[in-house]
Protein backbone atom coordinates (compact mmCIF):
# COMPACT_ATOMS: atom_id res chain seq x y z
CA GLN A 1 69.75 39.18 20.91
CA THR A 2 69.14 35.44 19.06
CA ILE A 3 69.90 34.02 22.72
CA SER A 4 67.52 36.27 24.16
CA CYS A 5 64.72 35.27 21.68
CA LEU A 6 64.89 31.58 22.44
CA PRO A 7 63.29 31.30 25.78
CA ARG A 8 60.26 33.21 24.11
CA SER A 9 60.22 30.75 20.90
CA PHE A 10 60.59 27.98 23.23
CA GLU A 11 57.54 29.02 24.95
CA TYR A 12 55.40 29.77 22.08
CA SER A 13 56.14 26.17 20.95
CA GLN A 14 55.16 24.67 24.23
CA LYS A 15 51.79 26.88 23.35
CA ASN A 16 51.57 25.49 19.92
CA ALA A 17 51.98 21.85 21.15
CA VAL A 18 49.12 22.11 23.43
CA LEU A 19 46.84 24.38 21.69
CA VAL A 20 46.95 22.58 18.25
CA PRO A 21 46.28 19.15 19.40
CA ALA A 22 43.58 20.49 21.49
CA ALA A 23 41.97 22.53 18.35
CA ALA A 24 42.30 19.51 16.35
CA LEU A 25 40.73 17.56 19.20
CA GLY A 26 37.85 20.22 18.95
CA VAL A 27 37.43 20.12 15.03
CA GLY A 28 37.74 16.64 14.91
CA GLY A 29 34.85 16.36 17.55
CA MET A 30 32.67 18.55 15.83
CA LEU A 31 33.17 17.25 12.55
CA LEU A 32 32.42 13.45 14.14
CA TYR A 33 29.34 15.14 15.72
CA TRP A 34 28.24 16.61 12.60
CA LEU A 35 28.75 13.23 10.72
CA ARG A 36 26.78 11.44 13.16
CA SER A 37 24.06 13.63 13.61
CA GLY A 38 23.36 13.52 10.01
CA ARG A 39 23.50 9.92 9.41
CA LYS A 40 20.86 9.78 12.35
CA ILE A 41 17.63 8.40 11.30
CA LYS A 42 14.32 10.98 10.81
CA THR A 43 11.42 9.18 12.07
CA ILE A 44 8.00 10.24 12.17
CA ASP A 45 6.95 10.78 15.40
CA MET A 46 3.94 8.15 16.35
CA GLY A 47 2.29 10.10 18.38
CA ASP A 48 -1.53 9.32 19.24
CA GLY A 49 -5.11 9.64 18.31
CA TRP A 50 -8.96 9.03 19.05
CA TRP A 51 -11.05 8.55 16.00
CA GLY A 52 -14.13 7.32 17.88
CA SER A 53 -17.73 9.14 18.34
CA GLY A 54 -17.47 12.27 20.61
CA GLU A 55 -14.55 13.36 23.14
CA ARG A 56 -12.09 10.76 23.96
CA PRO A 57 -12.69 9.27 27.39
CA PHE A 58 -10.94 10.44 30.25
CA LYS A 59 -11.38 7.77 32.60
CA GLY A 60 -10.91 3.80 32.08
CA LYS A 61 -8.31 2.03 29.92
CA GLU A 62 -9.43 0.98 25.92
CA ASP A 63 -10.57 -2.46 25.48
CA GLU A 64 -7.50 -4.43 24.33
CA SER A 65 -9.10 -7.76 23.75
CA ILE A 66 -9.05 -9.45 20.58
CA ARG A 67 -12.80 -10.37 19.58
CA PRO A 68 -13.21 -13.27 17.04
CA PHE A 69 -15.45 -12.30 14.09
CA LYS A 70 -17.55 -13.92 11.31
CA ILE A 71 -19.13 -12.28 8.63
CA GLU A 72 -23.13 -12.93 8.26
CA THR A 73 -25.74 -11.99 5.99
CA SER A 74 -29.54 -12.59 5.94
CA ASP A 75 -32.56 -12.89 3.45
CA LYS A 76 -33.32 -9.01 3.88
CA GLU A 77 -30.13 -8.32 3.14
CA ILE A 78 -30.22 -10.17 0.10
CA GLU A 79 -33.87 -9.24 -1.16
CA ASP A 80 -32.84 -5.72 -0.66
CA LEU A 81 -30.03 -6.02 -3.13
CA HIS A 82 -32.22 -8.04 -5.33
CA ARG A 83 -34.64 -5.40 -5.65
CA ARG A 84 -32.59 -2.86 -6.28
CA LEU A 85 -30.71 -4.83 -9.08
CA ASP A 86 -34.36 -5.30 -10.24
CA HIS A 87 -34.92 -1.65 -11.08
CA PHE A 88 -31.64 -1.16 -12.77
CA ARG A 89 -32.31 1.54 -15.22
CA PHE A 90 -30.06 0.79 -18.50
CA THR A 91 -28.33 3.49 -20.21
CA PRO A 92 -27.34 2.75 -23.99
CA HIS A 93 -23.69 3.14 -24.51
CA VAL A 94 -22.11 5.01 -27.72
CA GLU A 95 -21.30 2.43 -30.44
CA GLY A 96 -17.83 1.38 -30.37
CA ALA A 97 -17.18 2.69 -26.99
CA ALA A 98 -15.38 -0.37 -25.47
CA PHE A 99 -14.40 0.94 -22.06
CA HIS A 100 -13.13 4.32 -23.03
CA TYR A 101 -16.20 6.46 -21.61
CA GLY A 102 -16.08 4.58 -18.75
CA PHE A 103 -17.75 1.04 -17.86
CA ASN A 104 -19.27 -0.57 -21.20
CA SER A 105 -23.16 -0.44 -20.08
CA SER A 106 -23.94 -3.56 -22.29
CA TYR A 107 -21.62 -5.31 -20.77
CA LEU A 108 -22.74 -4.12 -17.38
CA GLN A 109 -26.19 -5.61 -18.45
CA LYS A 110 -24.36 -8.76 -18.31
CA VAL A 111 -22.85 -8.72 -15.19
CA VAL A 112 -25.93 -7.26 -13.26
CA ALA A 113 -27.63 -10.34 -14.97
CA TYR A 114 -25.14 -12.86 -13.33
CA TRP A 115 -25.24 -10.79 -10.08
CA ARG A 116 -29.05 -11.01 -9.98
CA ASN A 117 -29.47 -14.74 -11.24
CA GLN A 118 -26.31 -16.61 -10.58
CA PHE A 119 -24.41 -15.14 -7.68
CA ASP A 120 -24.32 -16.60 -4.45
CA TRP A 121 -23.79 -14.60 -1.70
CA ARG A 122 -24.43 -16.85 1.15
CA LYS A 123 -21.88 -19.07 -0.77
CA GLN A 124 -19.16 -15.97 -1.05
CA VAL A 125 -19.78 -15.54 3.03
CA GLU A 126 -18.61 -19.11 3.33
CA VAL A 127 -15.28 -18.51 1.34
CA LEU A 128 -14.72 -15.03 3.13
CA ASN A 129 -14.97 -16.74 6.36
CA LYS A 130 -12.88 -19.88 5.58
CA TYR A 131 -9.76 -17.53 7.02
CA PRO A 132 -10.30 -16.18 11.06
CA HIS A 133 -11.46 -13.18 11.23
CA PHE A 134 -11.34 -10.95 14.22
CA HIS A 135 -12.18 -7.25 15.50
CA THR A 136 -9.97 -5.22 18.42
CA THR A 137 -10.56 -1.35 19.30
CA ILE A 138 -7.76 0.73 18.64
CA GLU A 139 -7.93 4.53 19.41
CA GLY A 140 -11.61 4.18 19.79
CA ILE A 141 -12.84 2.32 16.52
CA ASP A 142 -13.09 -1.51 15.83
CA ILE A 143 -10.12 -2.50 13.64
CA HIS A 144 -11.23 -5.64 11.28
CA PHE A 145 -8.09 -8.10 10.49
CA ILE A 146 -7.89 -11.85 9.52
CA HIS A 147 -4.92 -13.47 10.98
CA VAL A 148 -3.89 -17.21 9.09
CA LYS A 149 -1.10 -19.07 10.50
CA PRO A 150 0.57 -22.05 8.98
CA SER A 151 -0.60 -25.78 9.61
CA TYR A 152 2.29 -26.85 9.59
CA VAL A 153 5.77 -25.67 10.25
CA PRO A 154 8.86 -28.29 9.60
CA HIS A 155 11.30 -28.55 12.67
CA GLY A 156 13.88 -25.48 13.14
CA ARG A 157 12.00 -23.26 10.87
CA ALA A 158 10.64 -19.49 12.45
CA VAL A 159 7.69 -18.60 11.32
CA GLN A 160 7.51 -14.85 9.84
CA PRO A 161 4.99 -12.47 10.83
CA LEU A 162 3.95 -10.51 7.65
CA LEU A 163 1.26 -7.86 7.90
CA MET A 164 -0.73 -6.70 4.22
CA VAL A 165 -2.26 -3.84 3.59
CA HIS A 166 -4.56 -3.18 0.42
CA GLY A 167 -5.77 -0.12 -1.33
CA TRP A 168 -8.90 1.36 -2.92
CA PRO A 169 -10.82 0.19 -4.78
CA GLY A 170 -9.54 -2.99 -2.79
CA SER A 171 -10.15 -4.87 0.42
CA PHE A 172 -8.79 -7.65 2.30
CA TYR A 173 -10.10 -10.33 -0.15
CA GLU A 174 -7.55 -9.57 -2.73
CA PHE A 175 -5.37 -11.58 -0.31
CA TYR A 176 -7.31 -14.67 -0.74
CA LYS A 177 -5.08 -16.44 -3.32
CA ILE A 178 -1.67 -15.23 -2.06
CA ILE A 179 -2.22 -16.25 1.75
CA PRO A 180 -2.20 -20.33 1.07
CA LEU A 181 1.10 -19.63 -1.07
CA LEU A 182 2.71 -17.90 1.66
CA THR A 183 1.42 -19.92 4.75
CA GLU A 184 2.11 -23.40 2.91
CA PRO A 185 4.44 -22.72 0.14
CA ALA A 186 5.76 -26.37 0.23
CA ARG A 187 2.13 -27.42 -0.40
CA HIS A 188 1.77 -25.69 -3.57
CA GLY A 189 5.44 -26.28 -4.54
CA LEU A 190 6.86 -23.02 -4.23
CA ASN A 191 9.82 -24.06 -1.88
CA GLU A 192 10.81 -26.82 0.78
CA GLY A 193 9.41 -24.65 3.69
CA ASP A 194 12.57 -22.51 4.40
CA VAL A 195 10.42 -19.38 4.68
CA VAL A 196 7.05 -19.95 5.93
CA PHE A 197 4.63 -16.86 6.78
CA GLU A 198 1.87 -16.31 9.21
CA VAL A 199 -0.20 -13.62 7.27
CA ILE A 200 -2.38 -10.50 9.05
CA CYS A 201 -4.70 -8.49 6.58
CA PRO A 202 -6.37 -5.61 8.36
CA SER A 203 -8.92 -3.68 6.59
CA ILE A 204 -8.18 0.14 6.18
CA PRO A 205 -10.43 2.16 8.72
CA GLY A 206 -13.76 3.22 6.86
CA TYR A 207 -13.27 0.06 4.50
CA GLY A 208 -14.84 -2.76 4.57
CA PHE A 209 -15.56 -4.50 8.39
CA SER A 210 -13.28 -1.72 9.61
CA GLU A 211 -15.23 1.00 11.51
CA ALA A 212 -15.24 4.31 9.86
CA PRO A 213 -13.53 7.00 11.61
CA HIS A 214 -15.75 9.69 13.08
CA GLN A 215 -13.34 12.86 13.01
CA LYS A 216 -11.43 14.29 10.53
CA GLY A 217 -7.95 14.12 9.70
CA PHE A 218 -7.58 10.08 9.37
CA ASP A 219 -4.87 9.62 7.19
CA SER A 220 -1.90 6.97 6.22
CA VAL A 221 0.38 8.18 9.40
CA ALA A 222 -2.41 7.34 11.61
CA THR A 223 -3.36 4.40 9.70
CA ALA A 224 0.62 3.15 10.00
CA ARG A 225 0.39 4.23 13.96
CA ILE A 226 -2.81 1.91 14.52
CA PHE A 227 -1.21 -1.13 12.22
CA HIS A 228 1.38 -0.76 14.69
CA LYS A 229 -0.52 -1.22 17.81
CA LEU A 230 -2.34 -3.62 16.17
CA MET A 231 0.98 -5.50 15.23
CA ASN A 232 2.20 -5.08 19.35
CA ARG A 233 -1.11 -6.02 20.64
CA LEU A 234 -1.08 -9.70 18.60
CA GLY A 235 2.14 -9.97 20.84
CA PHE A 236 4.96 -8.93 17.89
CA LYS A 237 8.25 -6.92 18.06
CA GLU A 238 9.27 -7.57 14.62
CA TYR A 239 7.43 -8.13 11.32
CA TYR A 240 7.53 -7.69 7.88
CA VAL A 241 4.88 -5.15 5.97
CA GLN A 242 3.81 -5.33 2.37
CA GLY A 243 1.39 -3.48 0.35
CA GLY A 244 0.02 -1.72 -3.18
CA ASP A 245 -2.01 1.18 -3.55
CA TRP A 246 -2.82 2.67 -0.05
CA GLY A 247 -1.05 -0.26 1.30
CA SER A 248 2.18 1.04 0.02
CA LEU A 249 1.95 4.51 1.72
CA ILE A 250 0.75 2.64 4.83
CA THR A 251 3.58 0.47 5.09
CA THR A 252 5.97 2.84 3.98
CA ASN A 253 4.94 5.18 7.08
CA MET A 254 4.84 2.11 9.54
CA ALA A 255 8.81 1.66 8.50
CA GLN A 256 9.55 5.36 9.06
CA MET A 257 7.61 5.70 12.45
CA LEU A 258 9.10 2.77 14.19
CA PRO A 259 12.08 0.81 12.07
CA GLN A 260 13.18 -0.72 14.43
CA SER A 261 10.03 -2.89 14.34
CA VAL A 262 10.01 -3.22 10.66
CA LYS A 263 12.17 -5.98 9.75
CA GLY A 264 11.59 -5.78 5.82
CA LEU A 265 9.39 -3.74 3.44
CA HIS A 266 8.01 -4.96 0.21
CA LEU A 267 5.92 -2.76 -2.29
CA ASN A 268 4.03 -3.64 -5.27
CA ALA A 269 3.93 0.36 -6.25
CA VAL A 270 6.05 3.05 -5.01
CA LEU A 271 5.41 6.82 -5.01
CA VAL A 272 7.92 8.87 -6.14
CA GLY A 273 6.67 12.55 -5.78
CA LYS A 274 10.06 14.50 -5.91
CA GLN A 275 10.43 16.88 -8.27
CA GLY A 276 13.40 18.98 -9.52
CA LEU A 277 16.07 20.16 -12.38
CA GLY A 278 17.67 16.75 -12.20
CA ARG A 279 14.56 14.73 -12.38
CA MET A 280 13.33 16.53 -15.21
CA ILE A 281 16.95 16.11 -17.10
CA CYS A 282 16.56 12.34 -16.44
CA ILE A 283 13.19 12.47 -18.44
CA MET A 284 14.74 14.28 -21.27
CA LEU A 285 17.79 12.52 -21.72
CA GLY A 286 16.28 8.99 -21.02
CA ALA A 287 14.63 8.86 -23.98
CA TYR A 288 17.94 8.86 -25.98
CA VAL A 289 20.49 7.67 -23.87
CA PRO A 290 18.83 6.02 -20.55
CA TRP A 291 22.15 4.38 -19.38
CA LEU A 292 23.61 8.10 -18.95
CA VAL A 293 20.91 8.95 -16.31
CA GLY A 294 20.86 5.65 -14.51
CA LEU A 295 17.86 3.89 -16.46
CA SER A 296 17.66 0.47 -17.76
CA ARG A 297 16.32 -0.74 -21.17
CA GLU A 298 13.42 -2.09 -19.21
CA ASP A 299 12.90 1.54 -17.49
CA ALA A 300 12.79 3.16 -20.99
CA ARG A 301 10.41 0.38 -22.45
CA ARG A 302 7.67 0.77 -19.66
CA PHE A 303 8.42 4.78 -19.27
CA TYR A 304 8.47 5.97 -22.93
CA PRO A 305 6.84 7.75 -24.74
CA PHE A 306 6.50 10.14 -21.78
CA MET A 307 3.74 12.29 -22.20
CA GLN A 308 1.51 9.46 -23.65
CA LYS A 309 2.43 6.88 -20.30
CA ASN A 310 2.99 9.54 -18.03
CA VAL A 311 0.59 12.48 -18.39
CA TYR A 312 -1.99 11.47 -20.64
CA ASP A 313 -2.56 8.15 -19.44
CA VAL A 314 -2.70 9.16 -15.90
CA LEU A 315 -5.08 11.98 -16.45
CA ARG A 316 -7.80 9.64 -18.00
CA GLU A 317 -7.31 7.26 -15.01
CA SER A 318 -6.99 9.71 -12.24
CA GLY A 319 -10.52 11.72 -12.58
CA TYR A 320 -12.28 9.91 -9.72
CA LEU A 321 -8.80 10.96 -7.58
CA HIS A 322 -10.24 14.82 -8.07
CA ILE A 323 -13.56 13.67 -6.81
CA GLN A 324 -12.39 12.09 -3.90
CA ALA A 325 -9.61 14.19 -2.68
CA THR A 326 -12.44 17.38 -2.49
CA LYS A 327 -16.00 16.15 -2.09
CA PRO A 328 -16.35 12.49 -1.97
CA ASP A 329 -19.54 12.45 0.18
CA THR A 330 -21.53 14.16 -3.07
CA ALA A 331 -20.96 11.18 -5.29
CA GLY A 332 -20.48 8.67 -2.64
CA CYS A 333 -23.98 8.85 -1.37
CA GLY A 334 -25.31 7.88 -5.14
CA LEU A 335 -22.73 4.93 -4.91
CA ASN A 336 -24.06 3.89 -1.73
CA ASP A 337 -27.50 3.81 -2.60
CA SER A 338 -27.11 2.16 -5.84
CA PRO A 339 -25.07 -1.52 -6.26
CA VAL A 340 -25.20 -1.19 -10.20
CA GLY A 341 -23.39 2.45 -9.75
CA LEU A 342 -21.22 1.39 -6.81
CA ALA A 343 -20.13 -2.07 -9.26
CA ALA A 344 -19.36 -0.05 -12.56
CA TYR A 345 -17.58 2.69 -10.53
CA ILE A 346 -15.33 0.03 -8.89
CA LEU A 347 -15.25 -2.43 -11.52
CA GLU A 348 -13.98 -0.05 -14.10
CA LYS A 349 -10.46 0.25 -11.78
CA PHE A 350 -10.19 -3.90 -12.02
CA SER A 351 -10.20 -3.11 -16.00
CA THR A 352 -8.07 -0.63 -16.91
CA TRP A 353 -5.53 -0.86 -13.78
CA THR A 354 -4.91 -4.38 -14.47
CA ASP A 355 -3.91 -3.41 -18.16
CA LYS A 356 -4.46 -0.26 -19.98
CA SER A 357 -4.95 -2.16 -23.10
CA PHE A 358 -8.29 -3.38 -21.79
CA LEU A 359 -9.91 0.12 -22.51
CA HIS A 360 -10.16 -1.03 -26.08
CA LYS A 361 -12.42 -4.26 -25.32
CA ASP A 362 -16.35 -4.16 -24.92
CA ASP A 363 -16.00 -6.31 -21.75
CA GLY A 364 -13.05 -4.21 -20.23
CA GLY A 365 -10.78 -7.63 -20.37
CA LEU A 366 -12.31 -8.28 -16.90
CA GLU A 367 -12.63 -11.93 -17.17
CA SER A 368 -9.09 -12.51 -18.41
CA LYS A 369 -7.75 -12.14 -15.23
CA TYR A 370 -10.83 -12.96 -12.70
CA SER A 371 -13.83 -14.34 -12.10
CA LEU A 372 -17.40 -12.67 -12.09
CA ASP A 373 -17.57 -14.05 -8.23
CA GLU A 374 -14.41 -12.71 -7.35
CA LEU A 375 -15.09 -9.19 -8.87
CA LEU A 376 -18.46 -9.02 -7.16
CA THR A 377 -17.28 -10.36 -3.86
CA ASN A 378 -15.15 -6.97 -3.92
CA VAL A 379 -17.70 -5.11 -4.55
CA MET A 380 -19.98 -6.79 -1.84
CA ILE A 381 -17.76 -6.31 0.82
CA TYR A 382 -18.11 -2.40 0.10
CA TRP A 383 -22.04 -3.09 -0.58
CA VAL A 384 -22.99 -4.62 3.00
CA THR A 385 -21.13 -2.70 4.48
CA SER A 386 -21.81 0.79 3.65
CA SER A 387 -17.95 1.79 3.09
CA ILE A 388 -17.69 3.14 -0.31
CA VAL A 389 -18.09 7.04 1.27
CA SER A 390 -15.93 6.53 4.26
CA SER A 391 -13.33 4.61 1.96
CA MET A 392 -13.35 7.84 -0.49
CA ARG A 393 -13.00 10.43 2.21
CA TYR A 394 -9.56 8.75 2.58
CA TYR A 395 -8.45 10.13 -0.57
CA LYS A 396 -9.54 13.81 0.89
CA GLU A 397 -7.62 13.31 4.47
CA ASN A 398 -4.08 12.67 2.74
CA PHE A 399 -4.43 14.77 -0.12
CA SER A 400 -5.68 17.74 2.05
CA LYS A 401 -2.66 17.54 4.09
CA ASP A 402 -0.40 16.79 1.44
CA PRO A 403 -1.49 17.39 -2.55
CA ASN A 404 1.70 15.96 -3.81
CA LEU A 405 1.77 12.70 -1.38
CA ASN A 406 5.55 13.36 -1.16
CA ALA A 407 5.98 14.83 2.57
CA TYR A 408 6.88 11.10 3.46
CA THR A 409 9.94 11.38 1.38
CA ARG A 410 11.56 14.29 3.63
CA TYR A 411 12.17 10.78 5.98
CA GLY A 412 14.50 8.13 4.16
CA ILE A 413 13.64 4.45 4.68
CA TYR A 414 16.32 2.43 6.18
CA VAL A 415 15.16 -0.64 6.51
CA PRO A 416 15.38 -3.10 3.99
CA THR A 417 13.66 -2.80 1.36
CA GLY A 418 11.96 -4.94 -2.01
CA ILE A 419 10.11 -3.76 -4.96
CA ALA A 420 8.36 -5.68 -7.11
CA ALA A 421 7.55 -3.75 -10.22
CA PHE A 422 4.75 -5.02 -12.46
CA PRO A 423 4.49 -3.99 -15.82
CA HIS A 424 1.18 -2.71 -15.82
CA GLU A 425 1.38 -0.51 -13.03
CA ILE A 426 -0.21 2.90 -13.65
CA LEU A 427 3.02 4.96 -12.84
CA HIS A 428 6.56 2.99 -13.05
CA ALA A 429 9.37 3.91 -10.53
CA PRO A 430 12.78 3.35 -11.98
CA PRO A 431 15.34 2.11 -9.06
CA VAL A 432 17.17 4.92 -9.85
CA TRP A 433 14.38 7.73 -8.53
CA ALA A 434 13.28 4.63 -5.51
CA LYS A 435 16.76 5.32 -4.32
CA ASP A 436 16.21 8.52 -3.42
CA VAL A 437 13.86 7.53 -0.56
CA PHE A 438 14.35 3.99 -0.36
CA LYS A 439 18.32 4.06 0.85
CA ASN A 440 18.21 0.25 1.83
CA ILE A 441 16.64 -1.48 -1.14
CA ILE A 442 18.10 -4.88 -1.30
CA SER A 443 15.56 -6.58 -4.03
CA TYR A 444 14.06 -4.75 -7.24
CA SER A 445 12.45 -7.14 -9.38
CA TYR A 446 10.86 -6.32 -13.35
CA MET A 447 7.74 -8.21 -12.71
CA PRO A 448 7.26 -10.22 -15.89
CA CYS A 449 3.34 -9.72 -16.03
CA GLY A 450 0.83 -8.20 -14.19
CA GLY A 451 -1.08 -4.63 -12.90
CA HIS A 452 -2.00 -2.82 -10.08
CA PHE A 453 -3.95 -5.31 -8.27
CA ALA A 454 -1.03 -7.93 -7.79
CA ALA A 455 -1.97 -9.93 -4.95
CA PHE A 456 -5.39 -10.90 -6.69
CA GLU A 457 -4.34 -11.16 -10.46
CA GLU A 458 -0.94 -13.03 -9.93
CA PRO A 459 -0.59 -14.17 -6.33
CA LYS A 460 2.08 -16.73 -7.49
CA LEU A 461 4.45 -14.45 -8.84
CA LEU A 462 4.18 -12.01 -5.98
CA ALA A 463 4.41 -14.68 -3.31
CA GLN A 464 7.78 -15.57 -5.08
CA ASP A 465 9.19 -12.07 -5.16
CA ILE A 466 8.41 -11.75 -1.47
CA MET A 467 9.72 -15.10 -0.16
CA GLN A 468 13.45 -14.39 -2.16
CA PHE A 469 12.89 -10.75 -0.55
CA VAL A 470 12.86 -12.29 3.00
CA ARG A 471 15.61 -14.86 2.17
CA LYS A 472 17.79 -11.85 1.42
CA VAL A 473 16.78 -10.14 4.54
CA GLU A 474 17.42 -13.02 6.69
CA GLN A 475 20.60 -13.59 5.62
CA LEU A 476 21.92 -10.28 5.89
């Protein structure tokens, strides 16, 4: 009986010899497929859009020409401004109010007097025109940008294209002090010219000299697509991108949309909207044992007391956001009609977003970081282009689709990322939280000073951080 079982046993072992490796190969193949599919980078669909007036034309290719542009003014424009400033209706402030109720009206009188009698808009137009301006039509609207190339490039050095994107209530003018540091670093003592940039600063559509979208739905993803098209039209296949405020979200979307085109992403503001039990535990334990939940001492210093810094301060500073995210045109029409109202609305942000402690100063601390000429030039860009309403609509278009602004967190960012965390930024994003979304952080800097408008208030610090980040990327 034993002998009779041998052929059957031998036959069974032969089957095993074939089936077991085949099964192992099959399971291994499925596991490999699962692992590889899990690693596949999920990207935002680039899609397409039309933001011009009326229906998109069926025939004819869009004009892709790059057209030189120059900012101009006129006697009529200045006379109209002066007439409106002359009719400013003053409202006495509450005694001891400082900036706790908003823009201090007594200090506003000083700003208006300077604006009316000393501010020279013609001179500031010359300042604005010192860099080359251009227009090009993308998806039916005219996109404005400045494009600054280095005057001298050391032999053998590669010039790195860098797209810098502003936010609200800023403009392309925020970058005027940082541009020479990036395009001519050796001349400003930053380095020996090992990293040199050519800088492209577009105006977000609906801001400044970029045409406002005529259709509903223009959000950060649409902006990201348009800016990719702009860079491609300028002849760039790969480039660095940098931003804060809306610029942070736009450039992040650019990295999620075409990661193969973005050599590196540098941010001076990070949105980390993810919620959950783990995050709550991190917040509670971080106040007592920050090291246990991945927070550094500096994270804890910037983060706590949590309710004060992350709830009360944010609520106080975000009233404008609710208005602009719901019915921007109502408040906007008043700001578009009154230069004084516009200045108060915008400049109040340049006070408390630069440093929350400026809330206690009668002048909002505005002239400690900026000159009135600089501040009023930014206001004038909104005034002469009548762009305050369309800039405010950008909030509605983004928040109506994504109330928490965290839909983008579903797409991991795998391009090399650098983060400059300024201490007076409205919200602090610790590295341990940032890593949830930004999977390839190669540089995280706790900046020694500065707030929300980094390029405008601390251009040298920001330029140095961008440069050290790009050096690291180029060495990868």
